[in-house]
Protein backbone atom coordinates (compact mmCIF):
# COMPACT_ATOMS: atom_id res chain seq x y z
CA MET A 1 -111.42 -7.33 -20.96
CA LYS A 2 -107.88 -6.30 -20.08
CA ASN A 3 -106.05 -9.12 -21.88
CA ILE A 4 -104.42 -8.79 -25.29
CA ILE A 5 -101.53 -10.03 -27.46
CA GLY A 6 -99.30 -7.56 -29.30
CA ARG A 7 -95.85 -6.78 -30.62
CA LYS A 8 -93.36 -4.36 -29.13
CA VAL A 9 -92.76 -1.45 -31.52
CA GLY A 10 -90.19 0.47 -29.47
CA MET A 11 -89.90 3.27 -26.92
CA THR A 12 -90.71 6.96 -26.99
CA ASN A 13 -91.79 9.76 -24.64
CA VAL A 14 -95.19 11.40 -24.24
CA PHE A 15 -96.78 14.15 -22.17
CA THR A 16 -99.56 13.11 -19.80
CA PRO A 17 -102.64 15.31 -19.22
CA GLU A 18 -100.97 16.39 -15.97
CA GLY A 19 -98.02 17.74 -17.94
CA LEU A 20 -95.58 14.98 -16.98
CA TYR A 21 -93.04 13.83 -19.57
CA VAL A 22 -92.83 10.03 -19.22
CA PRO A 23 -90.99 7.29 -21.14
CA VAL A 24 -93.34 4.71 -22.66
CA THR A 25 -93.16 1.47 -24.60
CA VAL A 26 -95.40 1.31 -27.66
CA ILE A 27 -97.18 -2.02 -28.20
CA GLN A 28 -98.95 -2.74 -31.50
CA ALA A 29 -101.93 -4.67 -30.16
CA GLY A 30 -104.22 -5.26 -33.09
CA ALA A 31 -107.62 -6.85 -32.65
CA ASN A 32 -107.37 -10.33 -31.07
CA SER A 33 -109.89 -13.03 -31.88
CA VAL A 34 -111.32 -15.08 -29.03
CA ILE A 35 -111.29 -18.50 -30.68
CA GLU A 36 -112.21 -20.67 -27.70
CA ARG A 37 -113.56 -20.52 -24.15
CA LYS A 38 -112.29 -23.29 -21.90
CA THR A 39 -114.56 -24.35 -19.04
CA LYS A 40 -113.99 -26.14 -15.77
CA GLU A 41 -116.51 -28.83 -16.67
CA LYS A 42 -114.83 -29.75 -19.98
CA HIS A 43 -111.16 -28.77 -19.54
CA GLY A 44 -110.70 -28.58 -15.77
CA TYR A 45 -110.08 -24.81 -15.66
CA GLU A 46 -111.47 -21.52 -16.94
CA ALA A 47 -109.57 -19.70 -19.70
CA LEU A 48 -109.89 -17.73 -22.89
CA VAL A 49 -107.84 -18.58 -25.98
CA LEU A 50 -106.81 -15.47 -27.92
CA ALA A 51 -105.30 -15.48 -31.40
CA PHE A 52 -103.30 -12.71 -33.08
CA GLU A 53 -102.02 -11.95 -36.61
CA ASP A 54 -103.60 -13.51 -39.69
CA ALA A 55 -101.94 -16.54 -41.26
CA LYS A 56 -102.48 -18.97 -44.12
CA LEU A 57 -103.34 -22.57 -43.27
CA LYS A 58 -100.30 -23.85 -45.19
CA GLN A 59 -98.06 -21.78 -42.92
CA LEU A 60 -99.27 -23.59 -39.79
CA THR A 61 -98.25 -26.94 -38.36
CA LYS A 62 -100.70 -29.80 -38.82
CA PRO A 63 -101.84 -29.75 -35.16
CA MET A 64 -102.51 -25.99 -35.29
CA ARG A 65 -104.22 -26.33 -38.68
CA GLY A 66 -106.51 -29.01 -37.28
CA ARG A 67 -107.26 -26.90 -34.22
CA PHE A 68 -108.46 -23.92 -36.26
CA GLU A 69 -110.45 -26.16 -38.62
CA LYS A 70 -112.14 -27.86 -35.65
CA LEU A 71 -113.03 -24.52 -34.04
CA GLY A 72 -114.13 -23.04 -37.36
CA ALA A 73 -111.97 -19.97 -36.74
CA ALA A 74 -109.77 -17.98 -39.11
CA PRO A 75 -106.14 -19.16 -38.91
CA LYS A 76 -103.79 -17.04 -36.82
CA THR A 77 -100.07 -17.06 -36.16
CA ILE A 78 -99.97 -16.57 -32.37
CA VAL A 79 -102.27 -18.33 -29.89
CA ARG A 80 -102.19 -17.77 -26.11
CA GLU A 81 -104.41 -18.49 -23.10
CA PHE A 82 -105.52 -16.04 -20.42
CA ARG A 83 -107.12 -17.06 -17.13
CA ARG A 84 -107.83 -13.73 -15.42
CA GLY A 85 -110.39 -11.06 -16.23
CA ILE A 86 -112.38 -13.25 -18.61
CA ASP A 87 -115.90 -12.82 -17.21
CA GLY A 88 -118.57 -12.10 -19.79
CA VAL A 89 -116.35 -12.93 -22.79
CA ASN A 90 -117.08 -15.84 -25.11
CA ALA A 91 -115.74 -17.46 -28.26
CA GLY A 92 -116.26 -15.26 -31.30
CA ASP A 93 -115.72 -12.00 -29.43
CA THR A 94 -112.88 -9.59 -30.21
CA ALA A 95 -110.34 -8.13 -27.80
CA THR A 96 -109.00 -4.64 -28.57
CA VAL A 97 -107.10 -1.89 -26.75
CA GLU A 98 -110.45 -0.21 -26.05
CA GLY A 99 -110.62 -2.42 -22.97
CA PHE A 100 -107.75 -0.43 -21.42
CA VAL A 101 -107.87 3.08 -19.99
CA PRO A 102 -105.06 5.36 -18.75
CA GLY A 103 -104.16 4.49 -15.18
CA ASP A 104 -104.87 0.76 -15.50
CA ARG A 105 -102.32 -1.57 -13.96
CA VAL A 106 -101.25 -4.50 -16.11
CA ASP A 107 -98.59 -7.22 -16.29
CA VAL A 108 -96.53 -7.34 -19.47
CA ILE A 109 -94.94 -10.67 -20.41
CA GLY A 110 -92.22 -11.01 -23.03
CA THR A 111 -89.04 -12.88 -23.94
CA SER A 112 -85.87 -11.07 -22.92
CA LYS A 113 -83.09 -10.48 -25.44
CA GLY A 114 -80.72 -13.46 -25.73
CA LYS A 115 -77.08 -12.65 -25.01
CA GLY A 116 -75.57 -16.09 -25.51
CA PHE A 117 -73.18 -17.94 -23.19
CA THR A 118 -71.67 -15.40 -20.80
CA GLY A 119 -69.42 -15.31 -17.75
CA ILE A 120 -70.43 -14.42 -14.22
CA ILE A 121 -69.49 -10.74 -14.53
CA LYS A 122 -72.03 -10.10 -17.28
CA ARG A 123 -74.56 -12.71 -16.19
CA TRP A 124 -74.58 -12.10 -12.42
CA ASN A 125 -72.94 -8.67 -12.14
CA GLY A 126 -69.84 -10.13 -10.51
CA VAL A 127 -67.01 -7.83 -9.41
CA GLY A 128 -64.16 -9.94 -10.75
CA GLY A 129 -60.72 -10.48 -9.27
CA GLY A 130 -57.80 -8.15 -8.84
CA ALA A 131 -56.70 -6.11 -11.84
CA THR A 132 -53.00 -6.06 -10.96
CA HIS A 133 -50.20 -8.33 -12.22
CA GLY A 134 -50.20 -11.80 -10.77
CA SER A 135 -53.93 -11.89 -9.96
CA MET A 136 -54.67 -14.58 -12.59
CA ILE A 137 -58.44 -14.36 -11.94
CA HIS A 138 -59.38 -11.03 -13.54
CA ARG A 139 -62.79 -12.18 -14.87
CA GLN A 140 -62.97 -15.75 -13.63
CA PRO A 141 -65.40 -17.16 -11.05
CA GLY A 142 -64.05 -17.56 -7.56
CA SER A 143 -64.67 -20.40 -5.13
CA ASN A 144 -67.20 -23.02 -6.13
CA GLY A 145 -68.03 -23.95 -2.55
CA ASP A 146 -67.17 -26.97 -0.43
CA THR A 147 -64.55 -29.17 -2.12
CA ASN A 148 -65.77 -32.21 -0.17
CA ALA A 149 -69.18 -31.95 -1.82
CA ALA A 150 -67.70 -33.27 -5.09
CA LYS A 151 -70.35 -31.45 -7.07
CA THR A 152 -71.48 -28.01 -8.12
CA VAL A 153 -74.03 -26.75 -5.62
CA LYS A 154 -77.45 -26.29 -7.17
CA GLY A 155 -78.32 -22.61 -7.61
CA SER A 156 -74.74 -21.35 -7.49
CA ARG A 157 -73.96 -18.47 -9.82
CA ARG A 158 -71.93 -19.84 -12.68
CA PRO A 159 -71.34 -18.98 -16.36
CA GLY A 160 -74.10 -20.01 -18.76
CA GLN A 161 -76.92 -18.95 -21.06
CA PHE A 162 -77.95 -15.35 -20.40
CA GLY A 163 -81.24 -13.88 -21.56
CA ASN A 164 -83.84 -15.46 -23.85
CA ASP A 165 -86.11 -16.06 -20.83
CA ARG A 166 -89.79 -15.43 -20.23
CA VAL A 167 -89.92 -12.25 -18.12
CA THR A 168 -92.96 -10.67 -16.50
CA MET A 169 -93.06 -6.97 -15.62
CA LEU A 170 -95.60 -6.62 -12.82
CA ASN A 171 -97.89 -3.70 -12.13
CA VAL A 172 -97.07 -1.60 -15.21
CA GLU A 173 -99.15 1.55 -15.72
CA VAL A 174 -101.10 2.12 -18.93
CA VAL A 175 -100.42 5.67 -20.13
CA GLN A 176 -102.52 5.72 -23.29
CA ALA A 177 -104.74 3.40 -25.37
CA ASP A 178 -105.09 4.45 -29.02
CA ALA A 179 -108.02 2.46 -30.41
CA THR A 180 -107.74 4.15 -33.83
CA ASN A 181 -104.23 2.82 -34.46
CA ASN A 182 -104.45 -0.24 -32.17
CA LEU A 183 -101.59 1.05 -30.00
CA LEU A 184 -101.11 0.57 -26.28
CA LEU A 185 -98.61 2.81 -24.47
CA VAL A 186 -97.30 1.55 -21.13
CA LYS A 187 -94.94 3.35 -18.76
CA GLY A 188 -91.30 2.31 -18.78
CA ALA A 189 -89.54 -0.59 -20.49
CA VAL A 190 -90.88 -4.07 -21.18
CA PRO A 191 -88.96 -7.30 -21.95
CA GLY A 192 -87.76 -8.15 -25.43
CA GLY A 193 -86.51 -6.44 -28.55
CA ARG A 194 -88.39 -4.62 -31.29
CA ASN A 195 -91.12 -6.67 -32.94
CA GLY A 196 -91.10 -9.17 -30.08
CA VAL A 197 -94.40 -10.75 -29.01
CA VAL A 198 -95.73 -9.50 -25.67
CA LEU A 199 -98.77 -10.49 -23.62
CA VAL A 200 -100.66 -7.86 -21.65
CA ARG A 201 -102.96 -9.02 -18.86
CA SER A 202 -104.73 -7.49 -15.88
CA SER A 203 -102.29 -7.11 -13.01
CA VAL A 204 -102.13 -9.83 -10.37
CA LYS A 205 -100.35 -7.60 -7.87
CA VAL A 206 -101.81 -4.10 -7.79
CA ARG A 207 -100.16 -1.75 -5.32
CA ALA A 208 -102.38 -0.11 -2.74
CA LYS A 209 -102.70 3.65 -3.19
CA ALA A 210 -100.85 5.66 -0.57
């Protein structure tokens, strides 16, 4: 199974067997427990529920505590569902990085770094106004559209919250899977800061080989 929950450790560089020097993101993907298998007959869809990182019952909310007690599973901190690549896996099984091999294509999902309330230059890569004297709009937004509309047009690029969004990196290549240390190395950068939770799943959009 090519689905797992982990935490982003950071970035480094490694040599591939072909002698290429590539930047990679290191993901600490310890063993995940499969605590539940959802079925179309009972829940309306097929999915696996994976849990990651041990926790004490008193650290969980009452709904989560009741869920683990009902399933008879060891309490965990992080619980997520996966709907792809779940054939042949049932509740009680364990998901590890051994399910991945170099060359696999995966999607990595994380929460991007929050940068607070920002203007359009930082948020939307705006060019700004003139830098000379008398411009008066050095870093301000320009026209807001039709003045007769009497409203801000939906979807227009305005100042606001930047970052802290769920971001999915599609079709990321697995460079190395270290089962001994529960580490998964993927090519390039992935969303989020150090120690952020990331989900790795089988890719939904694999590129055709040239």
